[in-house]
Structures are given as C-alpha cells and as structure tokens.
C-alpha cells in the first residue's frame, strides 16, 4: 500500500471511530491529512461511519480538487487555514461533540485551567465566537486561536483539533469531549476552582516537554 492510500485508510478509520463515539451524526464532521502540497479530505454529504477510502478526495493547499469524485467538505477552508498557519500540523479533525457543544450553549468556558492533563496535552481549550457553518466566517472565527491552541471549541458548532497526524488530532478531540463531560458534571455541584497559578506554570513546563516528545 502506498503512502497516499495509507493516509486515506487512516482518515476512514478515524472517521468511523468518531461515528462510533457519537461525535458525529449523519453527514456531520470532516477529517483531513496533509502530505506536502496535497491534502486528503473527507467529501461533503457522506456519512462518516459508512465512508470508504475511495471516497476520500485530494485537494491542493488552495482547496482545488485534484482527485476523486464529489465536493470536498464545506469546512475545507478551516482545515486549509490550520495548514497555512501551523507548519507542524499534519491533520485536522472537526466533529460535533455533544457535551462540548453543550458547553458552548450553556456559556461554560473550558479555557480555565481545571484539569492538569488538559493543560499538558492541549494547553487550554478556547471557544471561538459563533460563525455561520460552511462560510468564510468559520476560519476567520478560529484564526486568532489556531497558532496557540491544538483544540478549539466552535460556538454551537462542535470543535476542531489539530495534530502531527490524524490519530493525534483524534486523541485531542477525545480529550476535549472527556473534559466537557467532567466539567458539566462538576458544574452541577457548583462553581469550579481553577488550578493554582504555580501549578499551572509547572504543567506548562511539562507541556513543553510533552511537545518535544518527552512524555
């Protein structure tokens, strides 16, 4: 199997995992992987739990279709923005997480340093302002956060995560949704105290080690 086919198979595998975890419904969500000047991306209007590798499309870094039948995901501009601003990013996942989306509806901010593993693995989880799905508003809403954060909540519209490969991006999505579930459950009992600043600084140093592959 050549590398291009392998990357397409990886996208299908992750798409099915997202579907099994109920992170997607019907034709929601999208996944992409970058290889050099090429981007392999899920098509528009396809149920990700039923998708096959032959349906994965190939586009250039401007979004021009180079291979496959159909149209790239309507959120392709969000993916391309991540690749433009983050040379270290090789994969992007966008999913409609139930609990994380509920946080945006309830006005719950996940950027507060509550869980130590979130500070280490994600740095934090900001919320981008609401933008009309499938329009240029979406990439513009996440633009201020892409360079600093690997996971971004989209108000009323799920989340996007970025990684060194598609598994890494998926793992960050899973971590985000787990965090949202914990925070929502704890909020039922009252306000949540953030971690002390001294502890946050220690965790940020650990994050730098984590990014260098030390954890």
N, C-alpha and C. Protein backbone atom coordinates (compact mmCIF):
# COMPACT_ATOMS: atom_id res chain seq x y z
N UNK A 1 0.84 -1.20 0.00
CA UNK A 1 0.00 0.00 0.00
C UNK A 1 0.88 1.25 0.00
N UNK A 2 0.64 2.16 -0.95
CA UNK A 2 1.46 3.37 -1.00
C UNK A 2 1.00 4.35 0.08
N UNK A 3 1.82 5.38 0.31
CA UNK A 3 1.56 6.31 1.41
C UNK A 3 0.23 7.04 1.23
N UNK A 4 -0.12 7.39 -0.01
CA UNK A 4 -1.37 8.11 -0.22
C UNK A 4 -2.57 7.24 0.16
N UNK A 5 -2.54 5.97 -0.25
CA UNK A 5 -3.63 5.07 0.10
C UNK A 5 -3.68 4.85 1.60
N UNK A 6 -2.50 4.75 2.22
CA UNK A 6 -2.44 4.57 3.68
C UNK A 6 -3.09 5.75 4.40
N UNK A 7 -2.81 6.96 3.97
CA UNK A 7 -3.39 8.14 4.61
C UNK A 7 -4.91 8.18 4.42
N UNK A 8 -5.38 7.76 3.26
CA UNK A 8 -6.83 7.69 3.04
C UNK A 8 -7.47 6.66 3.97
N UNK A 9 -6.81 5.52 4.12
CA UNK A 9 -7.32 4.49 5.03
C UNK A 9 -7.33 5.00 6.46
N UNK A 10 -6.32 5.78 6.84
CA UNK A 10 -6.28 6.36 8.18
C UNK A 10 -7.45 7.30 8.41
N UNK A 11 -7.78 8.10 7.40
CA UNK A 11 -8.91 9.02 7.50
C UNK A 11 -10.21 8.24 7.69
N UNK A 12 -10.38 7.15 6.95
CA UNK A 12 -11.58 6.33 7.08
C UNK A 12 -11.66 5.73 8.48
N UNK A 13 -10.54 5.23 8.98
CA UNK A 13 -10.51 4.62 10.32
C UNK A 13 -10.92 5.63 11.39
N UNK A 14 -10.34 6.82 11.33
CA UNK A 14 -10.66 7.85 12.33
C UNK A 14 -12.10 8.33 12.18
N UNK A 15 -12.57 8.45 10.95
CA UNK A 15 -13.96 8.87 10.72
C UNK A 15 -14.93 7.88 11.34
N UNK A 16 -14.64 6.60 11.21
CA UNK A 16 -15.51 5.58 11.79
C UNK A 16 -15.44 5.60 13.32
N UNK A 17 -14.26 5.88 13.86
CA UNK A 17 -14.14 6.00 15.31
C UNK A 17 -14.96 7.17 15.82
N UNK A 18 -14.90 8.30 15.12
CA UNK A 18 -15.71 9.46 15.50
C UNK A 18 -17.19 9.12 15.50
N UNK A 19 -17.60 8.37 14.48
CA UNK A 19 -19.01 7.99 14.37
C UNK A 19 -19.41 7.04 15.50
N UNK A 20 -18.56 6.05 15.79
CA UNK A 20 -18.87 5.08 16.85
C UNK A 20 -18.96 5.76 18.22
N UNK A 21 -18.16 6.80 18.43
CA UNK A 21 -18.16 7.51 19.71
C UNK A 21 -19.29 8.52 19.82
N UNK A 22 -20.14 8.60 18.78
CA UNK A 22 -21.24 9.57 18.73
C UNK A 22 -20.72 11.01 18.73
N UNK A 23 -19.55 11.20 18.15
CA UNK A 23 -19.02 12.55 17.98
C UNK A 23 -19.56 13.19 16.70
N UNK A 24 -20.21 12.39 15.87
CA UNK A 24 -20.78 12.85 14.60
C UNK A 24 -22.20 12.30 14.48
N UNK A 25 -23.03 13.00 13.73
CA UNK A 25 -24.36 12.49 13.40
C UNK A 25 -24.58 12.67 11.90
N UNK A 26 -25.14 11.63 11.28
CA UNK A 26 -25.44 11.68 9.85
C UNK A 26 -24.19 12.08 9.06
N UNK A 27 -24.26 13.16 8.30
CA UNK A 27 -23.13 13.54 7.44
C UNK A 27 -22.26 14.63 8.07
N UNK A 28 -22.43 14.86 9.36
CA UNK A 28 -21.64 15.90 10.04
C UNK A 28 -20.15 15.56 10.05
N UNK A 29 -19.35 16.59 10.34
CA UNK A 29 -17.94 16.41 10.62
C UNK A 29 -17.07 16.25 9.39
N UNK A 30 -15.77 16.41 9.58
CA UNK A 30 -14.81 16.27 8.49
C UNK A 30 -13.42 16.03 9.04
N UNK A 31 -12.61 15.37 8.23
CA UNK A 31 -11.26 14.99 8.61
C UNK A 31 -10.34 15.23 7.42
N UNK A 32 -9.14 15.72 7.69
CA UNK A 32 -8.16 15.89 6.61
C UNK A 32 -6.77 15.55 7.09
N UNK A 33 -5.91 15.20 6.14
CA UNK A 33 -4.50 14.93 6.40
C UNK A 33 -3.68 15.61 5.32
N UNK A 34 -2.60 16.25 5.73
CA UNK A 34 -1.72 16.92 4.77
C UNK A 34 -0.51 16.04 4.47
N UNK A 35 -0.14 15.99 3.18
CA UNK A 35 1.12 15.39 2.78
C UNK A 35 1.78 16.31 1.77
N UNK A 36 2.75 17.09 2.25
CA UNK A 36 3.40 18.05 1.37
C UNK A 36 2.43 19.10 0.88
N UNK A 37 2.27 19.20 -0.44
CA UNK A 37 1.36 20.18 -1.04
C UNK A 37 -0.03 19.59 -1.29
N UNK A 38 -0.25 18.38 -0.83
CA UNK A 38 -1.54 17.73 -1.03
C UNK A 38 -2.29 17.63 0.29
N UNK A 39 -3.63 17.66 0.20
CA UNK A 39 -4.48 17.46 1.37
C UNK A 39 -5.52 16.40 1.00
N UNK A 40 -5.60 15.35 1.79
CA UNK A 40 -6.63 14.33 1.64
C UNK A 40 -7.74 14.65 2.62
N UNK A 41 -8.97 14.70 2.11
CA UNK A 41 -10.06 15.23 2.93
C UNK A 41 -11.37 14.49 2.67
N UNK A 42 -12.20 14.43 3.69
CA UNK A 42 -13.50 13.77 3.55
C UNK A 42 -14.40 14.59 2.63
N UNK A 43 -15.28 13.91 1.90
CA UNK A 43 -16.19 14.60 0.99
C UNK A 43 -17.41 15.16 1.72
N UNK A 44 -18.08 16.06 1.07
CA UNK A 44 -19.32 16.63 1.60
C UNK A 44 -20.46 15.64 1.40
N UNK A 45 -21.37 15.60 2.39
CA UNK A 45 -22.61 14.85 2.23
C UNK A 45 -22.49 13.35 2.37
N UNK A 46 -21.43 12.87 3.03
CA UNK A 46 -21.23 11.43 3.20
C UNK A 46 -21.22 11.09 4.69
N UNK A 47 -21.95 10.05 5.07
CA UNK A 47 -21.94 9.59 6.45
C UNK A 47 -20.56 9.01 6.77
N UNK A 48 -19.88 9.57 7.77
CA UNK A 48 -18.50 9.18 8.04
C UNK A 48 -18.39 7.76 8.60
N UNK A 49 -19.48 7.23 9.14
CA UNK A 49 -19.45 5.86 9.61
C UNK A 49 -19.54 4.84 8.51
N UNK A 50 -19.94 5.28 7.31
CA UNK A 50 -20.11 4.38 6.17
C UNK A 50 -19.12 4.66 5.05
N UNK A 51 -18.26 5.62 5.24
CA UNK A 51 -17.36 6.08 4.18
C UNK A 51 -16.30 5.04 3.86
N UNK A 52 -15.90 4.97 2.59
CA UNK A 52 -14.83 4.09 2.13
C UNK A 52 -13.66 4.94 1.64
N UNK A 53 -12.49 4.33 1.55
CA UNK A 53 -11.28 5.10 1.21
C UNK A 53 -11.35 5.71 -0.19
N UNK A 54 -12.05 5.05 -1.14
CA UNK A 54 -12.12 5.60 -2.49
C UNK A 54 -12.88 6.93 -2.53
N UNK A 55 -13.65 7.21 -1.46
CA UNK A 55 -14.42 8.45 -1.42
C UNK A 55 -13.60 9.63 -0.89
N UNK A 56 -12.46 9.37 -0.29
CA UNK A 56 -11.61 10.45 0.22
C UNK A 56 -11.05 11.23 -0.97
N UNK A 57 -11.16 12.54 -0.91
CA UNK A 57 -10.74 13.41 -2.01
C UNK A 57 -9.33 13.95 -1.79
N UNK A 58 -8.74 14.38 -2.88
CA UNK A 58 -7.42 15.04 -2.84
C UNK A 58 -7.57 16.46 -3.36
N UNK A 59 -7.07 17.42 -2.57
CA UNK A 59 -7.09 18.83 -2.98
C UNK A 59 -5.70 19.41 -2.78
N UNK A 60 -5.47 20.58 -3.36
CA UNK A 60 -4.21 21.28 -3.10
C UNK A 60 -4.41 22.22 -1.91
N UNK A 61 -3.38 22.99 -1.59
CA UNK A 61 -3.44 23.85 -0.41
C UNK A 61 -4.32 25.08 -0.62
N UNK A 62 -4.88 25.22 -1.82
CA UNK A 62 -5.87 26.26 -2.08
C UNK A 62 -7.28 25.69 -2.09
N UNK A 63 -7.38 24.38 -1.94
CA UNK A 63 -8.70 23.74 -1.93
C UNK A 63 -9.18 23.26 -3.28
N UNK A 64 -8.32 23.34 -4.31
CA UNK A 64 -8.71 22.90 -5.64
C UNK A 64 -8.73 21.38 -5.70
N UNK A 65 -9.81 20.81 -6.23
CA UNK A 65 -9.95 19.37 -6.32
C UNK A 65 -8.97 18.79 -7.33
N UNK A 66 -8.17 17.82 -6.88
CA UNK A 66 -7.17 17.19 -7.74
C UNK A 66 -7.49 15.73 -8.03
N UNK A 67 -8.28 15.10 -7.14
CA UNK A 67 -8.58 13.69 -7.35
C UNK A 67 -9.79 13.26 -6.56
N UNK A 68 -10.58 12.36 -7.16
CA UNK A 68 -11.78 11.85 -6.52
C UNK A 68 -13.03 12.50 -7.08
N UNK A 69 -14.18 11.92 -6.73
CA UNK A 69 -15.46 12.42 -7.21
C UNK A 69 -16.25 13.02 -6.07
N UNK A 70 -16.93 14.12 -6.35
CA UNK A 70 -17.72 14.80 -5.33
C UNK A 70 -17.08 16.12 -4.94
N UNK A 71 -17.60 16.71 -3.88
CA UNK A 71 -17.09 18.00 -3.40
C UNK A 71 -16.41 17.82 -2.05
N UNK A 72 -15.30 18.53 -1.84
CA UNK A 72 -14.68 18.49 -0.51
C UNK A 72 -15.64 19.04 0.54
N UNK A 73 -15.42 18.66 1.78
CA UNK A 73 -16.22 19.19 2.87
C UNK A 73 -16.39 20.70 2.76
N UNK A 74 -17.56 21.17 3.13
CA UNK A 74 -17.83 22.60 3.07
C UNK A 74 -16.98 23.39 4.06
N UNK A 75 -16.35 22.70 5.02
CA UNK A 75 -15.49 23.36 6.00
C UNK A 75 -14.01 23.28 5.62
N UNK A 76 -13.72 23.01 4.36
CA UNK A 76 -12.34 22.85 3.91
C UNK A 76 -11.48 24.06 4.24
N UNK A 77 -12.09 25.26 4.24
CA UNK A 77 -11.30 26.48 4.48
C UNK A 77 -10.72 26.50 5.89
N UNK A 78 -11.44 25.91 6.84
CA UNK A 78 -10.94 25.84 8.21
C UNK A 78 -9.70 24.94 8.28
N UNK A 79 -9.73 23.84 7.56
CA UNK A 79 -8.59 22.93 7.51
C UNK A 79 -7.39 23.61 6.85
N UNK A 80 -7.63 24.26 5.73
CA UNK A 80 -6.54 24.89 5.00
C UNK A 80 -5.90 26.02 5.81
N UNK A 81 -6.71 26.72 6.60
CA UNK A 81 -6.16 27.77 7.45
C UNK A 81 -5.18 27.18 8.45
N UNK A 82 -5.53 26.04 9.04
CA UNK A 82 -4.64 25.40 10.01
C UNK A 82 -3.31 25.03 9.35
N UNK A 83 -3.37 24.49 8.14
CA UNK A 83 -2.14 24.11 7.45
C UNK A 83 -1.32 25.34 7.05
N UNK A 84 -2.00 26.42 6.77
CA UNK A 84 -1.30 27.66 6.40
C UNK A 84 -0.57 28.26 7.59
N UNK A 85 -1.23 28.29 8.74
CA UNK A 85 -0.67 28.96 9.92
C UNK A 85 0.21 28.07 10.79
N UNK A 86 0.07 26.75 10.64
CA UNK A 86 0.79 25.82 11.51
C UNK A 86 1.54 24.77 10.67
N UNK A 87 2.78 25.03 10.32
CA UNK A 87 3.55 24.04 9.55
C UNK A 87 3.69 22.70 10.27
N UNK A 88 3.56 22.71 11.60
CA UNK A 88 3.68 21.46 12.36
C UNK A 88 2.43 20.60 12.29
N UNK A 89 1.33 21.17 11.85
CA UNK A 89 0.06 20.44 11.80
C UNK A 89 -0.03 19.62 10.51
N UNK A 90 -0.30 18.34 10.67
CA UNK A 90 -0.43 17.45 9.51
C UNK A 90 -1.81 16.81 9.42
N UNK A 91 -2.70 17.15 10.36
CA UNK A 91 -4.06 16.59 10.32
C UNK A 91 -5.00 17.50 11.09
N UNK A 92 -6.25 17.56 10.63
CA UNK A 92 -7.29 18.37 11.28
C UNK A 92 -8.56 17.53 11.36
N UNK A 93 -9.20 17.59 12.52
CA UNK A 93 -10.49 16.91 12.71
C UNK A 93 -11.52 17.93 13.18
N UNK A 94 -12.69 17.88 12.59
CA UNK A 94 -13.82 18.71 13.03
C UNK A 94 -14.98 17.78 13.33
N UNK A 95 -15.49 17.84 14.57
CA UNK A 95 -16.60 16.98 14.98
C UNK A 95 -17.62 17.78 15.77
N UNK A 96 -18.84 17.26 15.81
CA UNK A 96 -19.94 17.92 16.52
C UNK A 96 -20.15 17.23 17.86
N UNK A 97 -19.22 17.41 18.78
CA UNK A 97 -19.24 16.76 20.07
C UNK A 97 -20.46 17.19 20.89
N UNK A 98 -21.24 16.25 21.40
CA UNK A 98 -22.44 16.62 22.15
C UNK A 98 -22.16 17.43 23.42
N UNK A 99 -21.27 16.92 24.27
CA UNK A 99 -21.04 17.60 25.55
C UNK A 99 -20.27 18.90 25.37
N UNK A 100 -19.29 18.89 24.50
CA UNK A 100 -18.52 20.11 24.26
C UNK A 100 -19.40 21.20 23.64
N UNK A 101 -20.26 20.80 22.71
CA UNK A 101 -21.18 21.77 22.11
C UNK A 101 -22.15 22.29 23.16
N UNK A 102 -22.59 21.40 24.05
CA UNK A 102 -23.47 21.83 25.14
C UNK A 102 -22.81 22.89 26.01
N UNK A 103 -21.50 22.76 26.21
CA UNK A 103 -20.78 23.78 26.99
C UNK A 103 -20.90 25.15 26.33
N UNK A 104 -20.78 25.20 25.01
CA UNK A 104 -20.88 26.50 24.33
C UNK A 104 -22.29 27.06 24.44
N UNK A 105 -23.31 26.19 24.42
CA UNK A 105 -24.69 26.65 24.55
C UNK A 105 -24.97 27.17 25.96
N UNK A 106 -24.32 26.55 26.95
CA UNK A 106 -24.54 26.94 28.34
C UNK A 106 -23.62 28.07 28.78
N UNK A 107 -22.75 28.51 27.88
CA UNK A 107 -21.83 29.59 28.23
C UNK A 107 -20.72 29.16 29.16
N UNK A 108 -20.36 27.87 29.15
CA UNK A 108 -19.29 27.36 30.01
C UNK A 108 -17.96 27.42 29.28
N UNK A 109 -17.02 28.12 29.86
CA UNK A 109 -15.71 28.33 29.25
C UNK A 109 -14.76 27.21 29.68
N UNK A 110 -14.19 26.49 28.72
CA UNK A 110 -13.26 25.40 29.03
C UNK A 110 -11.80 25.86 29.02
N UNK A 111 -11.58 27.16 28.86
CA UNK A 111 -10.22 27.66 28.84
C UNK A 111 -9.61 27.74 30.24
N UNK A 112 -10.47 27.83 31.27
CA UNK A 112 -9.97 27.85 32.64
C UNK A 112 -9.16 26.59 32.93
N UNK A 113 -8.00 26.71 33.57
CA UNK A 113 -7.18 25.52 33.86
C UNK A 113 -7.78 24.71 35.02
N UNK A 114 -8.60 23.74 34.67
CA UNK A 114 -9.29 22.92 35.67
C UNK A 114 -8.61 21.56 35.82
N UNK A 115 -8.35 20.89 34.69
CA UNK A 115 -7.78 19.55 34.71
C UNK A 115 -6.31 19.60 34.28
N UNK A 116 -5.40 19.02 35.06
CA UNK A 116 -3.97 19.12 34.73
C UNK A 116 -3.62 18.51 33.38
N UNK A 117 -4.24 17.38 33.02
CA UNK A 117 -3.88 16.73 31.76
C UNK A 117 -4.26 17.58 30.55
N UNK A 118 -5.28 18.43 30.71
CA UNK A 118 -5.67 19.31 29.61
C UNK A 118 -4.61 20.39 29.40
N UNK A 119 -4.09 20.94 30.47
CA UNK A 119 -3.03 21.94 30.35
C UNK A 119 -1.81 21.33 29.67
N UNK A 120 -1.49 20.09 30.03
CA UNK A 120 -0.31 19.44 29.46
C UNK A 120 -0.50 19.09 27.99
N UNK A 121 -1.63 18.48 27.65
CA UNK A 121 -1.79 17.97 26.29
C UNK A 121 -2.35 18.98 25.30
N UNK A 122 -3.18 19.91 25.78
CA UNK A 122 -3.84 20.84 24.87
C UNK A 122 -3.44 22.29 25.09
N UNK A 123 -2.90 22.60 26.26
CA UNK A 123 -2.57 23.99 26.57
C UNK A 123 -3.76 24.75 27.11
N UNK A 124 -4.94 24.38 26.66
CA UNK A 124 -6.18 25.03 27.04
C UNK A 124 -7.18 24.83 25.91
N UNK A 125 -8.44 25.13 26.17
CA UNK A 125 -9.48 24.95 25.15
C UNK A 125 -10.28 26.24 25.04
N UNK A 126 -9.90 27.13 24.11
CA UNK A 126 -10.67 28.36 23.93
C UNK A 126 -11.94 28.11 23.14
N UNK A 127 -12.85 29.05 23.19
CA UNK A 127 -14.09 28.98 22.40
C UNK A 127 -14.10 30.10 21.38
N UNK A 128 -14.18 29.74 20.11
CA UNK A 128 -14.28 30.73 19.04
C UNK A 128 -15.71 31.25 18.97
N UNK A 129 -15.90 32.51 18.62
CA UNK A 129 -17.26 33.06 18.54
C UNK A 129 -18.08 32.38 17.45
N UNK A 130 -19.38 32.47 17.59
CA UNK A 130 -20.27 31.82 16.61
C UNK A 130 -19.99 32.34 15.20
N UNK A 131 -20.00 31.39 14.26
CA UNK A 131 -19.85 31.71 12.84
C UNK A 131 -20.79 30.82 12.05
N UNK A 132 -21.36 31.34 10.99
CA UNK A 132 -22.27 30.55 10.17
C UNK A 132 -21.52 29.38 9.54
N UNK A 133 -21.95 28.14 9.80
CA UNK A 133 -21.26 26.98 9.24
C UNK A 133 -21.14 27.04 7.72
N UNK A 134 -20.05 26.49 7.22
CA UNK A 134 -19.79 26.36 5.78
C UNK A 134 -19.50 27.68 5.09
N UNK A 135 -19.24 28.74 5.86
CA UNK A 135 -18.91 30.02 5.26
C UNK A 135 -17.50 30.44 5.65
N UNK A 136 -17.03 31.51 5.05
CA UNK A 136 -15.70 32.05 5.37
C UNK A 136 -15.64 32.57 6.80
N UNK A 137 -16.81 32.75 7.42
CA UNK A 137 -16.83 33.20 8.81
C UNK A 137 -16.15 32.20 9.75
N UNK A 138 -16.24 30.90 9.41
CA UNK A 138 -15.70 29.87 10.31
C UNK A 138 -14.18 29.97 10.45
N UNK A 139 -13.42 29.93 9.34
CA UNK A 139 -11.97 30.08 9.51
C UNK A 139 -11.58 31.40 10.15
N UNK A 140 -12.31 32.46 9.87
CA UNK A 140 -11.98 33.75 10.48
C UNK A 140 -12.25 33.73 11.99
N UNK A 141 -13.24 32.96 12.41
CA UNK A 141 -13.55 32.91 13.85
C UNK A 141 -12.48 32.15 14.62
N UNK A 142 -11.84 31.16 13.99
CA UNK A 142 -10.82 30.38 14.69
C UNK A 142 -9.41 30.92 14.50
N UNK A 143 -9.24 31.82 13.54
CA UNK A 143 -7.91 32.34 13.20
C UNK A 143 -7.12 32.83 14.42
N UNK A 144 -7.74 33.59 15.36
CA UNK A 144 -6.97 34.09 16.50
C UNK A 144 -6.43 33.01 17.43
N UNK A 145 -6.95 31.77 17.32
CA UNK A 145 -6.59 30.72 18.27
C UNK A 145 -5.71 29.62 17.68
N UNK A 146 -5.66 29.53 16.36
CA UNK A 146 -5.02 28.38 15.71
C UNK A 146 -3.53 28.26 16.05
N UNK A 147 -2.83 29.38 16.09
CA UNK A 147 -1.39 29.32 16.33
C UNK A 147 -1.03 28.85 17.74
N UNK A 148 -1.87 29.13 18.71
CA UNK A 148 -1.53 28.86 20.10
C UNK A 148 -2.14 27.57 20.64
N UNK A 149 -3.29 27.16 20.11
CA UNK A 149 -4.02 26.03 20.69
C UNK A 149 -4.20 24.90 19.68
N UNK A 150 -4.24 23.66 20.19
CA UNK A 150 -4.45 22.49 19.35
C UNK A 150 -5.90 22.03 19.34
N UNK A 151 -6.71 22.57 20.23
CA UNK A 151 -8.13 22.22 20.29
C UNK A 151 -8.94 23.49 20.50
N UNK A 152 -9.95 23.69 19.67
CA UNK A 152 -10.76 24.91 19.72
C UNK A 152 -12.23 24.54 19.67
N UNK A 153 -12.99 25.04 20.64
CA UNK A 153 -14.44 24.89 20.59
C UNK A 153 -15.01 25.91 19.61
N UNK A 154 -15.98 25.50 18.82
CA UNK A 154 -16.68 26.39 17.90
C UNK A 154 -18.08 26.61 18.47
N UNK A 155 -18.40 27.81 18.80
CA UNK A 155 -19.67 28.09 19.45
C UNK A 155 -20.84 27.52 18.65
N UNK A 156 -21.63 26.64 19.29
CA UNK A 156 -22.81 25.99 18.71
C UNK A 156 -22.48 25.05 17.53
N UNK A 157 -21.18 24.73 17.35
CA UNK A 157 -20.79 24.04 16.12
C UNK A 157 -19.68 23.03 16.36
N UNK A 158 -19.61 22.45 17.57
CA UNK A 158 -18.64 21.41 17.80
C UNK A 158 -17.24 21.93 18.10
N UNK A 159 -16.25 21.27 17.50
CA UNK A 159 -14.86 21.62 17.81
C UNK A 159 -13.96 21.24 16.65
N UNK A 160 -12.75 21.82 16.64
CA UNK A 160 -11.71 21.39 15.71
C UNK A 160 -10.45 21.09 16.52
N UNK A 161 -9.72 20.07 16.10
CA UNK A 161 -8.45 19.74 16.73
C UNK A 161 -7.41 19.55 15.65
N UNK A 162 -6.16 19.79 16.01
CA UNK A 162 -5.04 19.70 15.07
C UNK A 162 -3.95 18.83 15.67
N UNK A 163 -3.24 18.07 14.83
CA UNK A 163 -2.21 17.20 15.35
C UNK A 163 -1.11 16.91 14.36
N UNK A 164 -0.10 16.19 14.84
CA UNK A 164 1.03 15.81 14.00
C UNK A 164 0.65 14.71 13.01
N UNK A 165 -0.44 14.01 13.31
CA UNK A 165 -1.03 13.04 12.39
C UNK A 165 -2.51 12.91 12.77
N UNK A 166 -3.24 12.11 12.01
CA UNK A 166 -4.69 12.08 12.23
C UNK A 166 -5.06 11.40 13.55
N UNK A 167 -4.25 10.46 14.00
CA UNK A 167 -4.52 9.84 15.30
C UNK A 167 -4.31 10.84 16.43
N UNK A 168 -3.28 11.64 16.33
CA UNK A 168 -3.02 12.68 17.32
C UNK A 168 -4.17 13.68 17.37
N UNK A 169 -4.64 14.10 16.21
CA UNK A 169 -5.77 15.04 16.17
C UNK A 169 -7.03 14.40 16.76
N UNK A 170 -7.25 13.11 16.48
CA UNK A 170 -8.40 12.43 17.05
C UNK A 170 -8.28 12.33 18.57
N UNK A 171 -7.11 11.98 19.07
CA UNK A 171 -6.92 11.86 20.51
C UNK A 171 -7.24 13.16 21.23
N UNK A 172 -6.88 14.27 20.62
CA UNK A 172 -7.17 15.57 21.21
C UNK A 172 -8.67 15.84 21.22
N UNK A 173 -9.36 15.38 20.20
CA UNK A 173 -10.82 15.53 20.17
C UNK A 173 -11.46 14.71 21.29
N UNK A 174 -10.96 13.49 21.49
CA UNK A 174 -11.48 12.64 22.56
C UNK A 174 -11.22 13.28 23.93
N UNK A 175 -10.02 13.85 24.09
CA UNK A 175 -9.68 14.53 25.35
C UNK A 175 -10.60 15.73 25.59
N UNK A 176 -10.91 16.45 24.53
CA UNK A 176 -11.77 17.63 24.66
C UNK A 176 -13.17 17.22 25.14
N UNK A 177 -13.73 16.19 24.50
CA UNK A 177 -15.08 15.78 24.88
C UNK A 177 -15.11 15.21 26.30
N UNK A 178 -14.07 14.48 26.68
CA UNK A 178 -13.99 13.96 28.05
C UNK A 178 -13.96 15.11 29.06
N UNK A 179 -13.18 16.13 28.73
CA UNK A 179 -13.10 17.31 29.60
C UNK A 179 -14.46 17.98 29.76
N UNK A 180 -15.18 18.12 28.65
CA UNK A 180 -16.50 18.74 28.69
C UNK A 180 -17.45 17.95 29.58
N UNK A 181 -17.39 16.63 29.52
CA UNK A 181 -18.26 15.80 30.35
C UNK A 181 -17.94 15.98 31.83
N UNK A 182 -16.65 16.01 32.15
CA UNK A 182 -16.24 16.18 33.54
C UNK A 182 -16.68 17.54 34.07
N UNK A 183 -16.43 18.58 33.28
CA UNK A 183 -16.77 19.93 33.72
C UNK A 183 -18.28 20.09 33.89
N UNK A 184 -19.06 19.59 32.95
CA UNK A 184 -20.51 19.69 33.06
C UNK A 184 -21.03 18.96 34.29
N UNK A 185 -20.47 17.78 34.56
CA UNK A 185 -20.90 17.03 35.74
C UNK A 185 -20.54 17.77 37.03
N UNK A 186 -19.33 18.33 37.07
CA UNK A 186 -18.89 19.03 38.28
C UNK A 186 -19.66 20.33 38.48
N UNK A 187 -20.02 20.98 37.39
CA UNK A 187 -20.75 22.25 37.49
C UNK A 187 -22.12 22.06 38.13
N UNK A 188 -22.65 20.85 38.07
CA UNK A 188 -23.94 20.58 38.73
C UNK A 188 -23.84 20.77 40.23
N UNK A 189 -22.62 20.66 40.76
CA UNK A 189 -22.40 20.80 42.19
C UNK A 189 -22.02 22.22 42.61
N UNK A 190 -21.73 23.07 41.62
CA UNK A 190 -21.37 24.45 41.94
C UNK A 190 -20.18 24.93 41.13
N UNK A 191 -19.67 26.12 41.43
CA UNK A 191 -18.54 26.69 40.71
C UNK A 191 -17.29 25.82 40.83
N UNK A 192 -16.42 25.88 39.81
CA UNK A 192 -15.22 25.06 39.78
C UNK A 192 -13.99 25.93 40.04
N UNK A 193 -13.21 25.63 41.07
CA UNK A 193 -12.00 26.41 41.31
C UNK A 193 -10.91 26.03 40.31
N UNK A 194 -10.25 27.00 39.69
CA UNK A 194 -9.14 26.67 38.78
C UNK A 194 -7.93 26.19 39.56
N UNK A 195 -7.01 25.56 38.85
CA UNK A 195 -5.75 25.16 39.46
C UNK A 195 -4.97 26.40 39.89
N UNK A 196 -4.20 26.32 40.97
CA UNK A 196 -3.36 27.46 41.38
C UNK A 196 -2.37 27.82 40.28
N UNK A 197 -2.06 29.10 40.18
CA UNK A 197 -1.18 29.58 39.11
C UNK A 197 0.18 28.91 39.15
N UNK A 198 0.71 28.66 40.35
CA UNK A 198 2.02 28.00 40.45
C UNK A 198 1.97 26.59 39.84
N UNK A 199 0.86 25.90 40.06
CA UNK A 199 0.71 24.56 39.49
C UNK A 199 0.55 24.63 37.98
N UNK A 200 -0.17 25.64 37.50
CA UNK A 200 -0.34 25.81 36.05
C UNK A 200 1.01 26.04 35.38
N UNK A 201 1.88 26.81 36.00
CA UNK A 201 3.21 27.05 35.44
C UNK A 201 4.00 25.75 35.35
N UNK A 202 3.92 24.91 36.38
CA UNK A 202 4.59 23.62 36.35
C UNK A 202 4.05 22.76 35.20
N UNK A 203 2.74 22.79 35.03
CA UNK A 203 2.12 21.99 33.98
C UNK A 203 2.50 22.51 32.59
N UNK A 204 2.65 23.81 32.47
CA UNK A 204 3.07 24.37 31.18
C UNK A 204 4.49 23.95 30.83
N UNK A 205 5.34 23.84 31.84
CA UNK A 205 6.69 23.35 31.57
C UNK A 205 6.66 21.88 31.14
N UNK A 206 5.78 21.12 31.79
CA UNK A 206 5.60 19.74 31.38
C UNK A 206 5.06 19.65 29.95
N UNK A 207 4.21 20.60 29.58
CA UNK A 207 3.67 20.63 28.22
C UNK A 207 4.78 20.81 27.19
N UNK A 208 5.75 21.66 27.50
CA UNK A 208 6.87 21.85 26.57
C UNK A 208 7.65 20.56 26.40
N UNK A 209 7.83 19.81 27.46
CA UNK A 209 8.48 18.50 27.37
C UNK A 209 7.64 17.53 26.54
N UNK A 210 6.32 17.59 26.78
CA UNK A 210 5.39 16.73 26.04
C UNK A 210 5.47 17.01 24.55
N UNK A 211 5.52 18.27 24.18
CA UNK A 211 5.59 18.65 22.77
C UNK A 211 6.89 18.20 22.12
N UNK A 212 7.95 18.12 22.93
CA UNK A 212 9.24 17.67 22.40
C UNK A 212 9.37 16.15 22.42
N UNK A 213 8.29 15.50 22.86
CA UNK A 213 8.29 14.05 22.88
C UNK A 213 8.81 13.46 24.16
N UNK A 214 8.86 14.26 25.22
CA UNK A 214 9.41 13.79 26.47
C UNK A 214 8.40 13.10 27.38
N UNK A 215 7.12 13.07 26.99
CA UNK A 215 6.13 12.40 27.84
C UNK A 215 5.37 11.36 27.05
